[in-house]
Amino acid sequence: MALFRRHRALAALALAAALATACGSPAQDTAKATGTQDSVDAALKAGGTITYWTWTPSAKAQVAAFEQEYPKVKVNLVNAGTGKDQYTKLQNAIKAGSGGPDVAQIEYQALPQFALPGSLVDLNQYGFGTFQKDYTASTWTSVTVNNALFGLPQDSGPMALFYNKEDFDKYGIAVPKTWDEYLDAAKKLHAADPTKFITSDIGDPGFTTSMIWQAGGHPFSTDGRNIKINLDDAGAQKWTKVWDQLVQGKLLSTVKGWSDDWYRALGDGSIATLVTGAWMPGVFKSSVTAGSGKWAVAPMPTYDGQPVSAENGGSTQSVLKQSSNPALAAAFVRWLNHGNGIKPFIASGGFPSTTADLSSPAFLNAADPYFGGQQVNQVLSASSGVVAKGWSYLPYQLYANSVYGDTVGKSYLNGTDIGSGLKAWQATLVDYGNQQGFTVSAG
């Protein structure tokens, strides 16, 4: 978000500087290492103390349940701030060589920046690679860097269309299955009531990359120190062709996301849809109480009517190399995301990445009163199974996000074509990557 742009940029600069000096190091050397879980099991029996940095709301309940199950283990729970704040502190500890946690929560988009310099433990050495079949393909890919495994997926954010059914019914708007139909719905809604908009968007890097992802784009590819960036590929063009019409047609609300006005607009129907991740129901219930009973969930619109989605958000837990007890830390990660720790996570509203939970009848068939009794998990779980393949983030994605507003954001502000903004973003990212010691090419 723009409010935190300067802070994020400083953190991203520090991360990228560390990354540039350490590419192709321990993370790649141990990429194919495999082992057994014997040392992890032994560490649990022996017990000990570990420190866990996280911001997830379920952490307190998870730690309590873990300590009850394994009374010989003490987990020091620390909220070091949400992603951007924690990453700065984490990077400072890594640079100092001490002071960091044994286990840290890291978003998928940020993982390469800690993994590539060799700051994290490859969990393949503990035999965790055998768990691949238990997770959705997209989230497993997100925790794998150069064939090394740097966490077990926790949450996921397969995207869907959240829409205000009350608005749609009132104005006779059909739920769009394609982006062309979505554009038509935007025009019809705004014409019927100029105070209402199909959605709000003033430019967001996470949304932009997710939309390019869903459109089949592959703008970022990394091979060691070699990076290619193409924010003008077929997927990007496919997305901007639709979204430009919404921006230039003034069919999007300019209410800033996550603001008080944004929550109010969702509650009163001024913003009629959101295309976002499967974690959104929890936000609706906690912050948009006025919308209860008005909203519903449908598959994400596509370009040809065939089901395909993308991820938006999600994180994992990683073990730091500086941990004095990495086997015990790995045991905790296993319990969190491949054991009983998943239960309190789901109970708190988290959307899982484990295929067993996503296909559980209890999960799929739960009727949600907020959404008028709809079994929304059926839609969201189906979305997790059709995430487009082959996506990857930049090794300096956090920096990329921090300068988005100065490039693509201007296209939104000025009502000009987004493609030009993407090209400006690309030029900035190519220059920055080369300055940091990568070999970055465009196109």
Protein backbone atom coordinates (compact mmCIF):
# COMPACT_ATOMS: atom_id res chain seq x y z
CA MET A 1 0.00 0.00 0.00
CA ALA A 2 1.23 3.53 -0.76
CA LEU A 3 1.29 4.49 2.93
CA PHE A 4 4.15 2.13 3.56
CA ARG A 5 6.02 2.61 0.27
CA ARG A 6 9.07 4.35 1.75
CA HIS A 7 9.43 1.83 4.57
CA ARG A 8 9.06 -1.08 2.19
CA ALA A 9 11.59 0.39 -0.19
CA LEU A 10 14.24 0.66 2.53
CA ALA A 11 13.64 -2.92 3.62
CA ALA A 12 13.69 -4.12 0.03
CA LEU A 13 16.97 -2.33 -0.65
CA ALA A 14 18.62 -4.10 2.26
CA LEU A 15 17.26 -7.46 1.20
CA ALA A 16 18.30 -7.07 -2.40
CA ALA A 17 21.80 -5.97 -1.43
CA ALA A 18 22.25 -9.12 0.61
CA LEU A 19 20.80 -11.22 -2.18
CA ALA A 20 23.11 -9.77 -4.82
CA THR A 21 26.20 -10.85 -2.88
CA ALA A 22 25.06 -14.38 -2.27
CA CYS A 23 23.20 -15.76 -5.29
CA GLY A 24 24.00 -19.34 -6.21
CA SER A 25 25.18 -20.18 -2.72
CA PRO A 26 24.01 -22.68 -0.08
CA ALA A 27 20.43 -22.66 -1.33
CA GLN A 28 21.55 -24.14 -4.63
CA ASP A 29 24.29 -26.37 -3.20
CA THR A 30 21.79 -28.30 -1.09
CA ALA A 31 18.99 -28.17 -3.64
CA LYS A 32 18.85 -31.91 -4.18
CA ALA A 33 19.66 -32.97 -0.62
CA THR A 34 17.15 -35.40 0.83
CA GLY A 35 17.00 -37.09 4.19
CA THR A 36 14.70 -38.66 6.72
CA GLN A 37 12.59 -37.25 9.49
CA ASP A 38 14.45 -39.19 12.20
CA SER A 39 16.38 -36.18 13.49
CA VAL A 40 13.17 -34.14 13.61
CA ASP A 41 11.39 -36.81 15.63
CA ALA A 42 14.39 -37.11 17.94
CA ALA A 43 14.45 -33.35 18.49
CA LEU A 44 10.81 -33.40 19.58
CA LYS A 45 11.54 -36.15 22.12
CA ALA A 46 14.55 -34.29 23.49
CA GLY A 47 12.69 -30.99 23.74
CA GLY A 48 14.15 -27.50 23.97
CA THR A 49 13.28 -23.88 23.28
CA ILE A 50 12.71 -22.11 19.97
CA THR A 51 11.57 -18.64 18.97
CA TYR A 52 8.84 -18.05 16.40
CA TRP A 53 8.20 -14.73 14.62
CA THR A 54 4.75 -14.39 13.07
CA TRP A 55 1.82 -12.03 12.63
CA THR A 56 -0.87 -14.65 11.96
CA PRO A 57 -3.96 -14.34 14.26
CA SER A 58 -3.98 -18.09 14.93
CA ALA A 59 -0.42 -18.20 16.29
CA LYS A 60 -1.28 -17.98 19.99
CA ALA A 61 -3.73 -20.86 19.79
CA GLN A 62 -1.33 -22.89 17.66
CA VAL A 63 1.59 -22.45 20.04
CA ALA A 64 -0.59 -23.38 23.04
CA ALA A 65 -1.77 -26.53 21.28
CA PHE A 66 1.77 -27.46 20.26
CA GLU A 67 3.17 -27.04 23.77
CA GLN A 68 0.33 -29.12 25.17
CA GLU A 69 1.12 -31.89 22.71
CA TYR A 70 4.88 -31.59 23.24
CA PRO A 71 5.40 -30.35 26.83
CA LYS A 72 9.18 -30.64 26.57
CA VAL A 73 9.24 -27.88 23.96
CA LYS A 74 8.90 -24.17 24.75
CA VAL A 75 8.00 -21.80 21.90
CA ASN A 76 8.70 -18.12 22.43
CA LEU A 77 6.07 -16.38 20.32
CA VAL A 78 7.02 -12.94 19.00
CA ASN A 79 4.97 -10.60 16.82
CA ALA A 80 7.76 -8.64 15.15
CA GLY A 81 5.25 -6.77 13.00
CA THR A 82 3.44 -7.58 9.79
CA GLY A 83 5.41 -8.64 6.72
CA LYS A 84 7.22 -5.42 5.85
CA ASP A 85 8.20 -4.60 9.44
CA GLN A 86 9.25 -8.13 10.26
CA TYR A 87 11.36 -8.43 7.11
CA THR A 88 13.44 -5.39 8.09
CA LYS A 89 14.12 -6.84 11.54
CA LEU A 90 14.77 -10.26 10.08
CA GLN A 91 17.29 -8.94 7.58
CA ASN A 92 19.06 -6.97 10.32
CA ALA A 93 19.37 -10.14 12.41
CA ILE A 94 20.67 -12.12 9.44
CA LYS A 95 23.25 -9.43 8.73
CA ALA A 96 24.32 -9.38 12.39
CA GLY A 97 24.54 -13.17 12.53
CA SER A 98 22.39 -13.39 15.66
CA GLY A 99 19.17 -12.16 17.19
CA GLY A 100 16.83 -13.77 14.72
CA PRO A 101 14.15 -16.38 15.38
CA ASP A 102 14.40 -20.09 14.78
CA VAL A 103 11.23 -19.98 12.68
CA ALA A 104 9.85 -17.00 10.75
CA GLN A 105 6.67 -16.49 8.80
CA ILE A 106 7.48 -15.30 5.26
CA GLU A 107 5.10 -14.46 2.44
CA TYR A 108 5.52 -16.42 -0.78
CA GLN A 109 6.42 -13.28 -2.73
CA ALA A 110 9.25 -12.49 -0.28
CA LEU A 111 10.64 -16.00 0.13
CA PRO A 112 13.23 -15.89 -2.72
CA GLN A 113 14.86 -12.83 -1.20
CA PHE A 114 15.71 -14.79 1.95
CA ALA A 115 16.20 -18.19 0.34
CA LEU A 116 18.64 -17.36 -2.45
CA PRO A 117 21.32 -15.81 -0.21
CA GLY A 118 21.39 -19.02 1.85
CA SER A 119 19.74 -17.57 4.96
CA LEU A 120 17.19 -20.38 5.28
CA VAL A 121 17.40 -24.12 5.91
CA ASP A 122 16.55 -26.47 3.05
CA LEU A 123 13.92 -28.75 4.58
CA ASN A 124 14.64 -31.50 2.08
CA GLN A 125 17.40 -32.64 4.43
CA TYR A 126 14.65 -33.61 6.88
CA GLY A 127 12.68 -35.57 4.30
CA PHE A 128 9.94 -32.96 3.97
CA GLY A 129 9.99 -33.27 0.20
CA THR A 130 7.79 -36.33 0.58
CA PHE A 131 4.94 -34.02 1.61
CA GLN A 132 4.56 -32.51 -1.86
CA LYS A 133 1.49 -34.57 -2.67
CA ASP A 134 -0.30 -33.15 0.35
CA TYR A 135 -0.39 -29.55 -0.90
CA THR A 136 -1.82 -27.66 -3.84
CA ALA A 137 0.59 -27.40 -6.73
CA SER A 138 0.72 -23.61 -6.71
CA THR A 139 1.62 -23.29 -3.02
CA TRP A 140 4.23 -26.05 -3.19
CA THR A 141 5.87 -24.22 -6.08
CA SER A 142 5.85 -21.07 -3.97
CA VAL A 143 7.99 -22.64 -1.21
CA THR A 144 10.44 -24.23 -3.64
CA VAL A 145 13.40 -22.20 -4.87
CA ASN A 146 16.01 -23.82 -7.15
CA ASN A 147 14.61 -27.22 -6.15
CA ALA A 148 15.29 -26.53 -2.48
CA LEU A 149 12.41 -26.51 0.00
CA PHE A 150 12.26 -23.51 2.32
CA GLY A 151 8.99 -24.07 4.13
CA LEU A 152 5.73 -25.95 4.13
CA PRO A 153 2.79 -23.99 2.73
CA GLN A 154 0.42 -22.55 5.29
CA ASP A 155 -2.31 -20.46 3.73
CA SER A 156 -3.21 -19.88 0.14
CA GLY A 157 -5.12 -17.25 -1.77
CA PRO A 158 -6.74 -18.76 -4.86
CA MET A 159 -8.79 -15.98 -6.38
CA ALA A 160 -12.52 -15.76 -6.82
CA LEU A 161 -15.20 -13.18 -7.55
CA PHE A 162 -16.88 -11.79 -4.43
CA TYR A 163 -19.98 -9.90 -5.52
CA ASN A 164 -22.81 -7.97 -3.91
CA LYS A 165 -25.79 -10.12 -4.79
CA GLU A 166 -28.20 -7.43 -3.63
CA ASP A 167 -26.79 -4.98 -6.18
CA PHE A 168 -26.71 -7.57 -8.95
CA ASP A 169 -30.31 -8.62 -8.33
CA LYS A 170 -31.58 -5.05 -8.06
CA TYR A 171 -30.14 -4.01 -11.41
CA GLY A 172 -30.66 -7.29 -13.24
CA ILE A 173 -26.96 -7.99 -13.71
CA ALA A 174 -25.89 -11.54 -14.42
CA VAL A 175 -22.85 -12.88 -12.59
CA PRO A 176 -20.04 -12.51 -15.16
CA LYS A 177 -18.23 -15.63 -16.32
CA THR A 178 -15.84 -13.80 -18.65
CA TRP A 179 -13.95 -10.52 -18.39
CA ASP A 180 -15.95 -9.12 -21.29
CA GLU A 181 -19.11 -9.82 -19.31
CA TYR A 182 -17.48 -8.20 -16.26
CA LEU A 183 -16.83 -5.07 -18.31
CA ASP A 184 -20.44 -5.04 -19.46
CA ALA A 185 -21.59 -5.45 -15.86
CA ALA A 186 -19.44 -2.49 -14.82
CA LYS A 187 -21.03 -0.28 -17.46
CA LYS A 188 -24.58 -1.38 -16.65
CA LEU A 189 -24.14 -0.90 -12.91
CA HIS A 190 -22.61 2.56 -13.13
CA ALA A 191 -25.19 3.70 -15.67
CA ALA A 192 -28.01 2.55 -13.39
CA ASP A 193 -26.49 4.26 -10.35
CA PRO A 194 -23.47 6.57 -10.82
CA THR A 195 -22.61 6.20 -7.12
CA LYS A 196 -21.88 2.51 -7.60
CA PHE A 197 -18.80 0.93 -9.13
CA ILE A 198 -18.00 -2.64 -10.13
CA THR A 199 -14.87 -2.57 -7.95
CA SER A 200 -12.19 -0.29 -6.54
CA ASP A 201 -8.65 -0.16 -7.87
CA ILE A 202 -6.16 2.69 -7.78
CA GLY A 203 -3.25 0.43 -8.60
CA ASP A 204 -1.86 -2.36 -6.45
CA PRO A 205 1.23 -4.45 -7.30
CA GLY A 206 -0.09 -7.68 -5.82
CA PHE A 207 -3.37 -7.39 -7.70
CA THR A 208 -1.58 -6.50 -10.93
CA THR A 209 0.77 -9.48 -10.81
CA SER A 210 -2.07 -11.83 -9.87
CA MET A 211 -4.16 -10.63 -12.79
CA ILE A 212 -1.26 -11.07 -15.21
CA TRP A 213 -0.74 -14.53 -13.68
CA GLN A 214 -4.35 -15.50 -14.33
CA ALA A 215 -4.11 -14.20 -17.90
CA GLY A 216 -1.27 -16.64 -18.57
CA GLY A 217 1.57 -14.16 -18.22
CA HIS A 218 5.08 -15.08 -17.09
CA PRO A 219 6.79 -11.70 -16.67
CA PHE A 220 9.57 -12.81 -14.33
CA SER A 221 12.06 -15.64 -14.77
CA THR A 222 15.25 -16.23 -12.80
CA ASP A 223 18.19 -18.53 -13.45
CA GLY A 224 20.87 -17.90 -10.86
CA ARG A 225 22.01 -14.30 -11.39
CA ASN A 226 20.27 -14.09 -14.76
CA ILE A 227 16.83 -12.52 -14.78
CA LYS A 228 14.39 -11.80 -17.58
CA ILE A 229 11.55 -9.34 -17.16
CA ASN A 230 8.76 -9.00 -19.70
CA LEU A 231 5.79 -7.00 -18.43
CA ASP A 232 4.52 -6.69 -21.97
CA ASP A 233 3.96 -10.38 -22.66
CA ALA A 234 0.74 -11.86 -23.99
CA GLY A 235 -0.73 -12.28 -20.51
CA ALA A 236 -0.06 -8.69 -19.53
CA GLN A 237 -1.57 -7.44 -22.78
CA LYS A 238 -4.63 -9.62 -22.31
CA TRP A 239 -5.26 -8.17 -18.88
CA THR A 240 -4.60 -4.52 -19.74
CA LYS A 241 -6.92 -4.72 -22.75
CA VAL A 242 -9.82 -5.21 -20.33
CA TRP A 243 -8.61 -3.16 -17.39
CA ASP A 244 -7.71 -0.11 -19.47
CA GLN A 245 -11.37 0.19 -20.41
CA LEU A 246 -12.36 0.21 -16.75
CA VAL A 247 -9.71 2.77 -15.79
CA GLN A 248 -10.16 5.09 -18.76
CA GLY A 249 -13.94 4.73 -18.64
CA LYS A 250 -13.90 5.86 -14.99
CA LEU A 251 -15.75 2.70 -14.06
CA LEU A 252 -13.59 1.96 -11.00
CA SER A 253 -14.01 3.43 -7.56
CA THR A 254 -11.01 5.44 -6.42
CA VAL A 255 -11.63 4.65 -2.75
CA LYS A 256 -8.35 3.45 -1.29
CA GLY A 257 -8.29 -0.22 -0.38
CA TRP A 258 -8.27 -1.16 3.31
CA SER A 259 -9.39 2.33 4.35
CA ASP A 260 -12.45 3.03 6.50
CA ASP A 261 -14.22 4.40 3.42
CA TRP A 262 -13.44 1.17 1.57
CA TYR A 263 -15.03 -0.97 4.27
CA ARG A 264 -18.09 1.30 4.29
CA ALA A 265 -18.38 1.09 0.49
CA LEU A 266 -18.31 -2.69 0.65
CA GLY A 267 -21.00 -2.61 3.30
CA ASP A 268 -23.39 -0.29 1.45
CA GLY A 269 -22.83 -1.75 -2.03
CA SER A 270 -21.02 1.26 -3.52
CA ILE A 271 -18.32 -1.22 -4.45
CA ALA A 272 -20.11 -4.20 -5.95
CA THR A 273 -17.35 -6.79 -6.45
CA LEU A 274 -13.87 -7.77 -5.36
CA VAL A 275 -11.60 -10.11 -7.29
CA THR A 276 -9.30 -11.35 -4.59
CA GLY A 277 -7.97 -14.27 -2.58
CA ALA A 278 -9.82 -16.96 -0.64
CA TRP A 279 -8.83 -15.35 2.66
CA MET A 280 -11.32 -12.52 2.05
CA PRO A 281 -14.35 -14.07 3.86
CA GLY A 282 -12.63 -13.52 7.19
CA VAL A 283 -12.13 -9.84 6.34
CA PHE A 284 -15.77 -9.45 5.38
CA LYS A 285 -16.96 -10.98 8.63
CA SER A 286 -14.68 -8.94 10.85
CA SER A 287 -14.73 -5.59 9.08
CA VAL A 288 -17.79 -5.41 6.79
CA THR A 289 -20.60 -6.46 9.10
CA ALA A 290 -23.07 -4.26 7.22
CA GLY A 291 -22.65 -6.51 4.19
CA SER A 292 -23.78 -9.68 5.92
CA GLY A 293 -26.30 -11.56 3.80
CA LYS A 294 -25.67 -9.33 0.77
CA TRP A 295 -22.54 -10.94 -0.67
CA ALA A 296 -21.91 -14.15 -2.58
CA VAL A 297 -18.93 -15.89 -4.20
CA ALA A 298 -18.46 -17.08 -7.79
CA PRO A 299 -15.52 -18.35 -9.84
CA MET A 300 -13.09 -15.74 -11.10
CA PRO A 301 -14.09 -14.48 -14.58
CA THR A 302 -11.83 -15.73 -17.35
CA TYR A 303 -11.01 -14.75 -20.90
CA ASP A 304 -12.61 -17.71 -22.63
CA GLY A 305 -15.00 -19.09 -20.02
CA GLN A 306 -12.69 -21.96 -19.07
CA PRO A 307 -11.86 -22.14 -15.35
CA VAL A 308 -8.49 -20.69 -14.40
CA SER A 309 -7.39 -18.64 -11.41
CA ALA A 310 -4.27 -17.27 -9.75
CA GLU A 311 -2.98 -16.88 -6.23
CA ASN A 312 -3.21 -13.63 -4.31
CA GLY A 313 -1.39 -13.74 -0.98
CA GLY A 314 -0.22 -16.58 1.21
CA SER A 315 2.77 -17.39 3.38
CA THR A 316 4.91 -20.13 4.87
CA GLN A 317 7.14 -20.69 7.89
CA SER A 318 10.87 -21.05 7.31
CA VAL A 319 13.77 -22.17 9.51
CA LEU A 320 16.67 -19.74 9.72
CA LYS A 321 20.24 -20.96 9.20
CA GLN A 322 21.28 -19.22 12.41
CA SER A 323 18.91 -21.38 14.47
CA SER A 324 20.76 -23.26 17.22
CA ASN A 325 18.28 -26.13 16.96
CA PRO A 326 17.16 -26.37 13.32
CA ALA A 327 15.80 -29.90 13.70
CA LEU A 328 13.44 -28.82 16.48
CA ALA A 329 12.48 -25.74 14.49
CA ALA A 330 11.73 -27.95 11.50
CA ALA A 331 9.60 -30.18 13.73
CA PHE A 332 7.53 -27.15 14.71
CA VAL A 333 7.08 -26.16 11.05
CA ARG A 334 5.97 -29.70 10.27
CA TRP A 335 3.43 -29.63 13.08
CA LEU A 336 2.11 -26.20 12.06
CA ASN A 337 1.44 -27.04 8.43
CA HIS A 338 1.44 -30.82 8.23
CA GLY A 339 0.01 -31.70 11.59
CA ASN A 340 -2.52 -30.66 14.21
CA GLY A 341 -1.54 -27.00 13.86
CA ILE A 342 -3.72 -26.73 10.78
CA LYS A 343 -6.89 -27.08 12.87
CA PRO A 344 -6.64 -23.82 14.85
CA PHE A 345 -5.43 -22.08 11.70
CA ILE A 346 -8.60 -23.02 9.80
CA ALA A 347 -10.76 -22.31 12.86
CA SER A 348 -9.42 -18.74 12.91
CA GLY A 349 -10.54 -18.21 9.30
CA GLY A 350 -7.35 -19.18 7.50
CA PHE A 351 -7.68 -20.76 4.07
CA PRO A 352 -5.54 -23.92 3.92
CA SER A 353 -3.21 -25.20 1.23
CA THR A 354 -3.48 -28.85 2.26
CA THR A 355 -5.45 -30.90 -0.24
CA ALA A 356 -6.98 -33.12 2.45
CA ASP A 357 -8.53 -30.13 4.19
CA LEU A 358 -9.62 -28.50 0.94
CA SER A 359 -11.49 -31.67 -0.02
CA SER A 360 -12.92 -32.42 3.41
CA PRO A 361 -16.74 -32.70 3.34
CA ALA A 362 -16.95 -30.70 6.56
CA PHE A 363 -14.96 -27.89 4.97
CA LEU A 364 -16.67 -28.00 1.58
CA ASN A 365 -20.22 -28.28 2.86
CA ALA A 366 -20.08 -25.64 5.57
CA ALA A 367 -22.87 -23.14 4.96
CA ASP A 368 -21.72 -19.59 5.63
CA PRO A 369 -24.40 -17.29 7.12
CA TYR A 370 -22.53 -14.15 6.05
CA PHE A 371 -22.90 -15.24 2.43
CA GLY A 372 -26.57 -16.11 2.76
CA GLY A 373 -25.88 -19.73 3.63
CA GLN A 374 -23.80 -20.35 0.50
CA GLN A 375 -21.22 -23.13 0.69
CA VAL A 376 -18.49 -20.74 -0.37
CA ASN A 377 -15.62 -23.15 0.27
CA GLN A 378 -16.80 -25.22 -2.66
CA VAL A 379 -16.09 -22.30 -4.98
CA LEU A 380 -12.83 -21.35 -3.28
CA SER A 381 -11.51 -24.91 -3.12
CA ALA A 382 -12.29 -25.42 -6.80
CA SER A 383 -10.34 -22.25 -7.54
CA SER A 384 -7.27 -23.65 -5.79
CA GLY A 385 -7.27 -26.54 -8.24
CA VAL A 386 -7.19 -24.41 -11.39
CA VAL A 387 -4.40 -21.94 -10.58
CA ALA A 388 -2.38 -21.21 -13.71
CA LYS A 389 1.01 -22.93 -13.66
CA GLY A 390 4.50 -21.62 -14.11
CA TRP A 391 4.41 -18.42 -12.08
CA SER A 392 7.48 -17.03 -10.30
CA TYR A 393 8.34 -13.81 -8.48
CA LEU A 394 11.41 -11.63 -8.80
CA PRO A 395 14.27 -12.20 -6.35
CA TYR A 396 13.67 -8.59 -5.34
CA GLN A 397 9.87 -8.57 -5.48
CA LEU A 398 9.51 -6.42 -2.36
CA TYR A 399 11.55 -3.67 -3.99
CA ALA A 400 9.47 -4.09 -7.16
CA ASN A 401 6.29 -3.59 -5.18
CA SER A 402 7.70 -0.51 -3.45
CA VAL A 403 8.26 1.36 -6.74
CA TYR A 404 5.04 0.26 -8.41
CA GLY A 405 3.24 3.45 -7.44
CA ASP A 406 5.84 5.57 -9.20
CA THR A 407 5.30 3.73 -12.49
CA VAL A 408 2.09 1.77 -12.99
CA GLY A 409 0.38 3.81 -10.30
CA LYS A 410 0.72 6.92 -12.47
CA SER A 411 -1.28 5.23 -15.24
CA TYR A 412 -4.18 4.84 -12.82
CA LEU A 413 -3.80 8.39 -11.54
CA ASN A 414 -3.67 9.94 -15.01
CA GLY A 415 -6.16 7.60 -16.67
CA THR A 416 -3.60 6.51 -19.26
CA ASP A 417 -2.98 3.01 -20.59
CA ILE A 418 -1.64 0.59 -18.00
CA GLY A 419 0.70 -1.00 -20.53
CA SER A 420 2.83 2.15 -20.58
CA GLY A 421 3.02 2.04 -16.81
CA LEU A 422 4.07 -1.60 -16.92
CA LYS A 423 6.86 -0.75 -19.35
CA ALA A 424 8.06 1.99 -17.03
CA TRP A 425 7.95 -0.44 -14.11
CA GLN A 426 9.94 -2.94 -16.17
CA ALA A 427 12.62 -0.37 -17.03
CA THR A 428 13.01 0.54 -13.37
CA LEU A 429 13.30 -3.11 -12.35
CA VAL A 430 15.83 -3.93 -15.05
CA ASP A 431 18.03 -0.99 -14.06
CA TYR A 432 17.77 -1.76 -10.38
CA GLY A 433 18.57 -5.45 -10.80
CA ASN A 434 21.66 -4.69 -12.86
CA GLN A 435 22.79 -2.19 -10.23
CA GLN A 436 22.49 -4.93 -7.61
CA GLY A 437 24.78 -7.32 -9.46
CA PHE A 438 22.26 -9.37 -11.43
CA THR A 439 22.27 -9.69 -15.18
CA VAL A 440 18.79 -8.49 -16.08
CA SER A 441 17.36 -8.31 -19.58
CA ALA A 442 14.02 -7.07 -20.83
CA GLY A 443 11.65 -8.99 -23.05
